[in-house]
Amino acid sequence: MPTAVVIDGAFFLRRFKSAFPNLFAGDAEDVAFGVICMAAHHITARLRANPAWSTVSANDWRPQETAELYRIFFYDCPPLTKRLHTPIDKRAVNLAQTPEAKLRLAIHDRLHQTRKVALRLGRLNENLSPWRLRPNAIHRWREGHPPRDEDFELDVVQKGVDMRLGLDIAAMAHKHQVDQIVLVAADADFVPPVKLARREGIDVVLDPMGAPVAPDLLQHVDGVRNCYMPINSRRTDNKE
């Protein structure tokens, strides 16, 4: 049976440069290629355990075109695209025109076009006040520095992402669509779906991309395999 690769998108993008040092997160093509390379890494690691596939390499393996890969699931939220004012100087800000928003939308658009990648989108839920203090802001103020816009950051929370990820893992496990799930994450929130999958006989492999992992999540997976891939070239494959 095939493998499913389940990716917490926000976590993946934070860890991208560490896992793929020769790619750059400023390019949506690089991010999509990194997603495919991660799937290739885990598929080939599994195949190499079979003597018939012992020489297979992630450099020449195409996970999009093999029955060994069920699907890559990528969970994220669209960026905020509203207009607001900064908390101190009251400067108008169009969030849709920020580099971060443009990059996130470009990444989502590219993943939509990438074969065997299913993009699952939640939403961002902002609080009544869209701004919150950065951790070091109060320390600066105590030292006598005046407040500035850089002391604040947007206060938003992802909604629906963990639920979609958990439901997809549960559905694949109950329907026996896969016999292995690679979870790219490090958060303890994913313990319940992981436990359910293992009770259904699914082999759960955790890829934390070199990040610290919640101890209780480590207790409920069948193994850890970090993806570190120095990529020297870039390839992309469309769904069409």
Protein backbone atom coordinates (compact mmCIF):
# COMPACT_ATOMS: atom_id res chain seq x y z
CA MET A 1 0.00 0.00 0.00
CA PRO A 2 1.17 3.60 -0.59
CA THR A 3 2.48 6.36 1.65
CA ALA A 4 0.74 9.68 2.35
CA VAL A 5 2.83 12.76 3.22
CA VAL A 6 0.95 15.13 5.54
CA ILE A 7 2.53 18.59 5.96
CA ASP A 8 1.77 21.35 8.45
CA GLY A 9 2.36 24.19 5.99
CA ALA A 10 3.20 26.98 8.44
CA PHE A 11 5.72 24.71 10.17
CA PHE A 12 7.21 23.60 6.83
CA LEU A 13 7.73 27.18 5.67
CA ARG A 14 9.40 28.17 8.96
CA ARG A 15 11.84 25.26 8.66
CA PHE A 16 12.31 25.48 4.89
CA LYS A 17 15.76 27.09 4.79
CA SER A 18 17.15 24.68 7.36
CA ALA A 19 15.93 21.58 5.55
CA PHE A 20 16.75 22.81 2.04
CA PRO A 21 19.85 25.03 2.42
CA ASN A 22 20.38 25.39 -1.34
CA LEU A 23 16.85 26.56 -2.02
CA PHE A 24 15.39 29.94 -1.07
CA ALA A 25 11.96 30.48 0.50
CA GLY A 26 11.55 33.74 -1.44
CA ASP A 27 10.43 31.77 -4.49
CA ALA A 28 7.18 29.82 -4.78
CA GLU A 29 8.77 27.46 -7.33
CA ASP A 30 11.47 26.54 -4.80
CA VAL A 31 8.90 25.81 -2.10
CA ALA A 32 6.85 23.56 -4.40
CA PHE A 33 10.02 21.77 -5.46
CA GLY A 34 10.98 21.34 -1.80
CA VAL A 35 7.62 19.69 -1.10
CA ILE A 36 8.20 17.19 -3.92
CA CYS A 37 11.78 16.55 -2.81
CA MET A 38 10.60 15.84 0.73
CA ALA A 39 8.13 13.25 -0.59
CA ALA A 40 10.88 11.70 -2.73
CA HIS A 41 13.17 11.49 0.29
CA HIS A 42 10.63 9.54 2.33
CA ILE A 43 9.42 7.32 -0.50
CA THR A 44 12.96 6.30 -1.45
CA ALA A 45 13.88 5.72 2.21
CA ARG A 46 11.03 3.22 2.38
CA LEU A 47 11.86 1.58 -0.94
CA ARG A 48 15.51 1.11 -0.07
CA ALA A 49 14.43 -1.29 2.68
CA ASN A 50 13.35 -3.61 -0.17
CA PRO A 51 16.38 -5.34 -1.82
CA ALA A 52 14.79 -4.92 -5.24
CA TRP A 53 14.88 -1.13 -4.79
CA SER A 54 18.05 -0.81 -2.72
CA THR A 55 19.82 1.43 -5.26
CA VAL A 56 16.97 3.90 -5.81
CA SER A 57 17.89 7.55 -5.17
CA ALA A 58 15.79 10.59 -4.30
CA ASN A 59 17.73 12.55 -6.94
CA ASP A 60 16.17 10.60 -9.83
CA TRP A 61 12.92 9.42 -8.25
CA ARG A 62 9.66 11.03 -9.35
CA PRO A 63 7.14 10.59 -6.52
CA GLN A 64 4.36 12.19 -8.55
CA GLU A 65 4.41 9.26 -11.00
CA THR A 66 4.57 6.29 -8.65
CA ALA A 67 1.90 4.26 -6.95
CA GLU A 68 4.13 4.27 -3.86
CA LEU A 69 2.90 7.81 -3.12
CA TYR A 70 -0.79 8.20 -2.35
CA ARG A 71 -0.83 11.99 -2.08
CA ILE A 72 0.93 14.96 -0.48
CA PHE A 73 -1.39 16.98 1.78
CA PHE A 74 -0.32 20.57 2.52
CA TYR A 75 -2.30 22.48 5.19
CA ASP A 76 -2.12 26.27 5.45
CA CYS A 77 -4.16 29.49 5.61
CA PRO A 78 -4.50 32.30 3.07
CA PRO A 79 -2.81 35.50 4.26
CA LEU A 80 -4.72 38.53 5.48
CA THR A 81 -5.36 40.95 2.62
CA LYS A 82 -7.21 43.73 4.45
CA ARG A 83 -6.23 47.39 4.93
CA LEU A 84 -5.41 48.72 8.41
CA HIS A 85 -3.29 51.31 10.24
CA THR A 86 -0.12 50.80 12.26
CA PRO A 87 -0.63 51.21 16.05
CA ILE A 88 1.81 54.09 16.68
CA ASP A 89 2.31 56.15 13.54
CA LYS A 90 -1.14 55.32 12.13
CA ARG A 91 0.30 54.63 8.70
CA ALA A 92 -2.05 52.96 6.24
CA VAL A 93 -1.02 49.39 5.40
CA ASN A 94 -2.41 47.27 2.59
CA LEU A 95 -1.63 43.72 3.71
CA ALA A 96 -2.38 42.35 0.24
CA GLN A 97 0.67 44.20 -1.11
CA THR A 98 3.16 42.98 1.50
CA PRO A 99 5.93 40.60 0.32
CA GLU A 100 4.77 37.98 2.83
CA ALA A 101 1.19 37.95 1.49
CA LYS A 102 2.31 37.88 -2.14
CA LEU A 103 4.68 34.98 -1.46
CA ARG A 104 2.07 32.97 0.44
CA LEU A 105 -0.50 33.40 -2.35
CA ALA A 106 2.11 32.48 -4.97
CA ILE A 107 3.01 29.34 -3.01
CA HIS A 108 -0.63 28.29 -2.79
CA ASP A 109 -1.15 28.91 -6.49
CA ARG A 110 1.93 26.84 -7.37
CA LEU A 111 0.92 23.97 -5.09
CA HIS A 112 -2.53 23.91 -6.70
CA GLN A 113 -0.75 23.18 -10.00
CA THR A 114 1.62 20.54 -8.62
CA ARG A 115 0.74 16.94 -9.35
CA LYS A 116 -0.32 14.75 -6.43
CA VAL A 117 -0.40 17.71 -4.02
CA ALA A 118 -3.68 18.46 -2.24
CA LEU A 119 -3.78 21.95 -0.71
CA ARG A 120 -6.08 22.22 2.32
CA LEU A 121 -6.79 25.79 3.42
CA GLY A 122 -8.15 26.98 6.75
CA ARG A 123 -8.50 30.63 7.66
CA LEU A 124 -6.85 33.26 9.83
CA ASN A 125 -8.95 34.54 12.72
CA GLU A 126 -7.81 37.94 13.93
CA ASN A 127 -8.65 39.28 17.39
CA LEU A 128 -10.57 42.50 18.08
CA SER A 129 -7.26 44.34 18.11
CA PRO A 130 -5.19 43.24 15.08
CA TRP A 131 -1.89 44.05 16.81
CA ARG A 132 -0.01 42.44 19.70
CA LEU A 133 3.27 43.31 21.42
CA ARG A 134 6.43 41.54 20.33
CA PRO A 135 8.21 39.67 23.17
CA ASN A 136 11.03 42.22 23.58
CA ALA A 137 8.88 45.38 23.34
CA ILE A 138 8.31 45.92 27.08
CA HIS A 139 12.02 45.40 27.75
CA ARG A 140 12.80 48.21 25.28
CA TRP A 141 10.26 50.50 26.89
CA ARG A 142 11.71 49.89 30.36
CA GLU A 143 15.08 50.96 29.01
CA GLY A 144 13.54 54.29 28.05
CA HIS A 145 13.04 53.74 24.32
CA PRO A 146 9.80 55.21 22.94
CA PRO A 147 7.15 52.89 21.47
CA ARG A 148 7.40 52.27 17.74
CA ASP A 149 5.45 50.34 15.13
CA GLU A 150 8.15 47.66 15.04
CA ASP A 151 7.24 46.75 18.65
CA PHE A 152 3.98 45.23 17.37
CA GLU A 153 3.04 42.32 15.13
CA LEU A 154 -0.23 41.09 13.67
CA ASP A 155 -2.27 39.05 16.14
CA VAL A 156 -3.85 36.26 14.10
CA VAL A 157 -4.60 32.60 14.80
CA GLN A 158 -5.01 29.73 12.35
CA LYS A 159 -8.48 28.19 12.36
CA GLY A 160 -9.50 24.89 10.79
CA VAL A 161 -6.01 23.72 9.83
CA ASP A 162 -5.43 21.16 12.59
CA MET A 163 -9.01 19.91 12.22
CA ARG A 164 -8.60 19.30 8.47
CA LEU A 165 -5.28 17.55 9.02
CA GLY A 166 -6.74 15.32 11.72
CA LEU A 167 -9.82 14.43 9.66
CA ASP A 168 -7.74 13.47 6.65
CA ILE A 169 -5.51 11.21 8.75
CA ALA A 170 -8.57 9.60 10.33
CA ALA A 171 -10.24 9.06 6.94
CA MET A 172 -7.14 7.48 5.39
CA ALA A 173 -6.70 5.22 8.40
CA HIS A 174 -10.33 4.04 8.61
CA LYS A 175 -10.57 3.47 4.84
CA HIS A 176 -7.13 1.78 4.74
CA GLN A 177 -6.10 3.93 1.79
CA VAL A 178 -2.47 3.92 2.96
CA ASP A 179 -0.30 1.83 5.23
CA GLN A 180 2.19 4.60 6.06
CA ILE A 181 1.77 8.29 6.91
CA VAL A 182 4.68 10.72 7.05
CA LEU A 183 3.73 13.64 9.31
CA VAL A 184 5.77 16.81 8.81
CA ALA A 185 5.16 18.67 12.06
CA ALA A 186 6.32 18.93 15.67
CA ASP A 187 3.20 20.04 17.56
CA ALA A 188 1.50 18.02 20.31
CA ASP A 189 -1.90 19.00 18.83
CA PHE A 190 -1.45 16.16 16.34
CA VAL A 191 -1.25 13.42 18.98
CA PRO A 192 -4.97 12.34 18.75
CA PRO A 193 -5.01 11.65 14.96
CA VAL A 194 -1.59 9.97 15.17
CA LYS A 195 -2.80 7.66 17.95
CA LEU A 196 -5.91 6.80 15.93
CA ALA A 197 -3.84 5.99 12.83
CA ARG A 198 -1.54 3.69 14.76
CA ARG A 199 -4.50 1.86 16.30
CA GLU A 200 -5.64 1.17 12.73
CA GLY A 201 -2.26 -0.39 11.92
CA ILE A 202 -0.76 2.59 10.07
CA ASP A 203 3.00 3.09 10.28
CA VAL A 204 3.44 6.75 11.35
CA VAL A 205 6.78 8.39 10.59
CA LEU A 206 7.48 11.88 11.98
CA ASP A 207 9.62 14.39 10.07
CA PRO A 208 10.28 17.42 12.34
CA MET A 209 12.76 18.93 9.84
CA GLY A 210 15.35 19.17 12.61
CA ALA A 211 13.09 21.12 14.99
CA PRO A 212 12.45 20.22 18.66
CA VAL A 213 9.45 17.92 19.00
CA ALA A 214 6.76 17.86 21.69
CA PRO A 215 7.64 14.87 23.94
CA ASP A 216 4.12 13.41 23.87
CA LEU A 217 4.12 13.46 20.06
CA LEU A 218 7.37 11.47 20.04
CA GLN A 219 5.72 8.86 22.24
CA HIS A 220 3.01 8.16 19.67
CA VAL A 221 4.92 7.75 16.39
CA ASP A 222 6.69 4.70 14.97
CA GLY A 223 9.88 6.54 14.06
CA VAL A 224 11.54 9.85 13.25
CA ARG A 225 13.17 10.63 9.90
CA ASN A 226 14.47 14.16 9.33
CA CYS A 227 14.61 15.47 5.79
CA TYR A 228 17.85 17.35 5.07
CA MET A 229 18.41 17.66 1.34
CA PRO A 230 21.11 19.86 -0.28
CA ILE A 231 19.37 20.38 -3.62
CA ASN A 232 21.54 21.57 -6.51
CA SER A 233 18.87 21.94 -9.18
CA ARG A 234 15.17 22.62 -9.44
CA ARG A 235 12.45 20.71 -11.25
CA THR A 236 8.71 21.30 -11.28
CA ASP A 237 5.89 19.15 -12.56
CA ASN A 238 2.37 20.35 -13.29
CA LYS A 239 -0.85 18.45 -12.80
CA GLU A 240 -1.62 18.78 -16.47
